[in-house]
């Protein structure tokens, strides 16, 4: 039993030695991207920093695991597709219907977006993911301001007969 444990750990250590620094940088990028977006969302929605970090980090880890498992013999696109589907269900849980309105659509879209950011990072593009995350934060702030100042509040509209 001890020998099998040592064999398993030596395989993990070999993988860490080969790809460790790059993987660690990608995981750090996932935490950073999730934190940036989560900080913005924490003031407006139930999906705060922790949720956003774990969605992005989880998607990155799934892509890492998929890459290790297939090692050129599979299709990483299938892993990305499954991540998008799974995170879609998570996001759907944040959508609430109250009275005549619906709340949580931006939160659901943000969670789905973070899954895509995690996939991008796990696919080896952490710098692009960080740039896209920064753009997303700017868009969230800008569009929120735009909606609040220029567009009418849909909750204050008269109901259609």
Protein backbone atom coordinates (compact mmCIF):
# COMPACT_ATOMS: atom_id res chain seq x y z
CA UNK A 1 0.00 0.00 0.00
CA UNK A 2 2.81 2.39 0.88
CA UNK A 3 4.51 1.64 -2.45
CA UNK A 4 1.37 2.54 -4.42
CA UNK A 5 1.05 5.80 -2.47
CA UNK A 6 4.67 6.67 -3.22
CA UNK A 7 4.11 5.82 -6.90
CA UNK A 8 1.07 8.10 -7.04
CA UNK A 9 2.90 10.94 -5.32
CA UNK A 10 5.97 10.59 -7.52
CA UNK A 11 3.72 10.92 -10.58
CA UNK A 12 2.22 14.09 -9.12
CA UNK A 13 5.67 15.45 -8.31
CA UNK A 14 6.92 14.70 -11.84
CA UNK A 15 3.97 16.61 -13.30
CA UNK A 16 4.55 19.51 -10.91
CA UNK A 17 8.24 19.67 -11.78
CA UNK A 18 7.48 19.70 -15.51
CA UNK A 19 4.57 22.15 -15.60
CA UNK A 20 4.44 23.44 -12.03
CA UNK A 21 5.50 27.06 -12.45
CA UNK A 22 3.28 27.60 -15.49
CA UNK A 23 0.31 25.91 -13.81
CA UNK A 24 0.87 27.90 -10.62
CA UNK A 25 0.91 31.14 -12.62
CA UNK A 26 -2.33 30.12 -14.32
CA UNK A 27 -3.98 29.33 -10.99
CA UNK A 28 -2.85 32.70 -9.64
CA UNK A 29 -4.31 34.37 -12.75
CA UNK A 30 -7.62 32.57 -12.15
CA UNK A 31 -7.74 33.83 -8.56
CA UNK A 32 -6.90 37.37 -9.72
CA UNK A 33 -9.55 37.37 -12.48
CA UNK A 34 -12.21 35.93 -10.20
CA UNK A 35 -11.33 38.44 -7.49
CA UNK A 36 -11.52 41.45 -9.81
CA UNK A 37 -14.95 40.57 -11.08
CA UNK A 38 -16.16 39.23 -7.74
CA UNK A 39 -15.25 42.46 -5.98
CA UNK A 40 -17.45 44.39 -8.39
CA UNK A 41 -20.34 41.91 -8.08
CA UNK A 42 -20.16 41.60 -4.28
CA UNK A 43 -21.88 44.92 -3.78
CA UNK A 44 -24.82 44.02 -6.01
CA UNK A 45 -25.36 40.29 -5.99
CA UNK A 46 -25.05 37.09 -3.96
CA UNK A 47 -22.14 35.99 -6.18
CA UNK A 48 -19.28 37.78 -4.47
CA UNK A 49 -15.55 37.35 -4.44
CA UNK A 50 -15.49 33.75 -3.16
CA UNK A 51 -18.04 32.49 -5.67
CA UNK A 52 -16.34 34.23 -8.59
CA UNK A 53 -12.88 33.01 -7.58
CA UNK A 54 -14.06 29.42 -7.24
CA UNK A 55 -15.90 29.44 -10.58
CA UNK A 56 -12.84 30.74 -12.42
CA UNK A 57 -10.39 28.59 -10.50
CA UNK A 58 -12.55 25.48 -10.93
CA UNK A 59 -12.81 25.94 -14.69
CA UNK A 60 -9.03 26.38 -14.86
CA UNK A 61 -8.47 23.21 -12.83
CA UNK A 62 -10.85 21.23 -15.02
CA UNK A 63 -8.93 22.33 -18.10
CA UNK A 64 -5.62 21.40 -16.44
CA UNK A 65 -6.96 18.00 -15.48
CA UNK A 66 -8.39 17.44 -18.95
CA UNK A 67 -5.06 18.32 -20.54
CA UNK A 68 -3.22 15.86 -18.30
CA UNK A 69 -5.76 13.09 -18.85
CA UNK A 70 -5.92 13.26 -22.62
CA UNK A 71 -2.26 14.12 -23.32
CA UNK A 72 -2.88 14.71 -27.00
CA UNK A 73 -5.26 11.76 -27.39
CA UNK A 74 -8.50 13.63 -26.75
CA UNK A 75 -10.40 16.79 -27.42
CA UNK A 76 -9.97 19.65 -24.91
CA UNK A 77 -12.98 21.32 -26.54
CA UNK A 78 -15.19 18.65 -25.00
CA UNK A 79 -13.93 19.57 -21.54
CA UNK A 80 -14.59 23.26 -22.22
CA UNK A 81 -18.10 22.42 -23.43
CA UNK A 82 -18.87 20.45 -20.29
CA UNK A 83 -17.59 23.31 -18.15
CA UNK A 84 -19.88 25.76 -19.97
CA UNK A 85 -22.86 23.46 -19.46
CA UNK A 86 -22.17 22.88 -15.77
CA UNK A 87 -21.59 26.53 -15.02
CA UNK A 88 -24.77 27.37 -16.92
CA UNK A 89 -26.71 25.39 -14.35
CA UNK A 90 -24.92 27.19 -11.52
CA UNK A 91 -25.76 30.55 -13.08
CA UNK A 92 -29.39 29.55 -13.57
CA UNK A 93 -29.64 29.11 -9.82
CA UNK A 94 -28.90 32.80 -9.32
CA UNK A 95 -31.87 33.96 -11.39
CA UNK A 96 -34.89 34.88 -9.31
CA UNK A 97 -38.38 35.86 -10.35
CA UNK A 98 -40.11 38.31 -8.06
CA UNK A 99 -43.51 39.67 -8.92
CA UNK A 100 -43.34 40.83 -12.51
CA UNK A 101 -39.55 41.14 -12.61
CA UNK A 102 -36.53 38.93 -12.98
CA UNK A 103 -33.36 39.47 -10.94
CA UNK A 104 -29.93 37.93 -11.19
CA UNK A 105 -29.43 37.79 -14.95
CA UNK A 106 -26.22 39.82 -14.78
CA UNK A 107 -24.95 37.61 -11.98
CA UNK A 108 -25.74 34.49 -14.03
CA UNK A 109 -24.01 35.97 -17.08
CA UNK A 110 -21.01 36.92 -14.95
CA UNK A 111 -20.70 33.39 -13.58
CA UNK A 112 -20.90 31.98 -17.10
CA UNK A 113 -18.31 34.53 -18.26
CA UNK A 114 -15.96 33.54 -15.43
CA UNK A 115 -16.18 29.93 -16.56
CA UNK A 116 -15.01 31.06 -19.99
CA UNK A 117 -12.17 33.04 -18.39
CA UNK A 118 -11.13 29.94 -16.46
CA UNK A 119 -11.17 27.87 -19.64
CA UNK A 120 -9.05 30.51 -21.37
CA UNK A 121 -6.53 30.45 -18.52
CA UNK A 122 -6.50 26.65 -18.35
CA UNK A 123 -5.90 26.56 -22.10
CA UNK A 124 -2.71 28.58 -21.65
CA UNK A 125 -3.80 32.19 -22.16
CA UNK A 126 -3.67 33.80 -18.69
CA UNK A 127 -2.56 37.25 -19.88
CA UNK A 128 -5.47 37.48 -22.33
CA UNK A 129 -7.84 36.33 -19.59
CA UNK A 130 -6.61 39.01 -17.19
CA UNK A 131 -7.00 41.69 -19.85
CA UNK A 132 -10.51 40.48 -20.72
CA UNK A 133 -11.42 40.39 -17.01
CA UNK A 134 -10.25 43.98 -16.55
CA UNK A 135 -12.34 45.00 -19.57
CA UNK A 136 -15.32 43.16 -18.07
CA UNK A 137 -15.00 45.10 -14.79
CA UNK A 138 -14.93 48.37 -16.73
CA UNK A 139 -17.96 47.27 -18.73
CA UNK A 140 -19.87 46.24 -15.61
CA UNK A 141 -19.26 49.63 -14.01
CA UNK A 142 -19.87 51.66 -17.18
CA UNK A 143 -22.98 49.81 -18.28
CA UNK A 144 -24.43 49.90 -14.76
CA UNK A 145 -24.01 53.68 -14.75
CA UNK A 146 -25.47 53.91 -18.28
CA UNK A 147 -28.50 51.83 -17.31
CA UNK A 148 -29.12 53.87 -14.18
CA UNK A 149 -28.88 57.29 -15.77
CA UNK A 150 -30.16 56.93 -19.32
CA UNK A 151 -32.44 53.91 -19.55
CA UNK A 152 -35.78 53.86 -17.76
CA UNK A 153 -36.16 51.45 -14.85
CA UNK A 154 -38.19 48.50 -16.22
CA UNK A 155 -39.74 47.94 -12.78
CA UNK A 156 -41.38 51.38 -12.95
CA UNK A 157 -43.08 50.79 -16.30
CA UNK A 158 -46.81 50.39 -16.40
CA UNK A 159 -47.87 46.77 -16.89
CA UNK A 160 -49.14 45.83 -20.34
CA UNK A 161 -52.79 44.90 -20.52
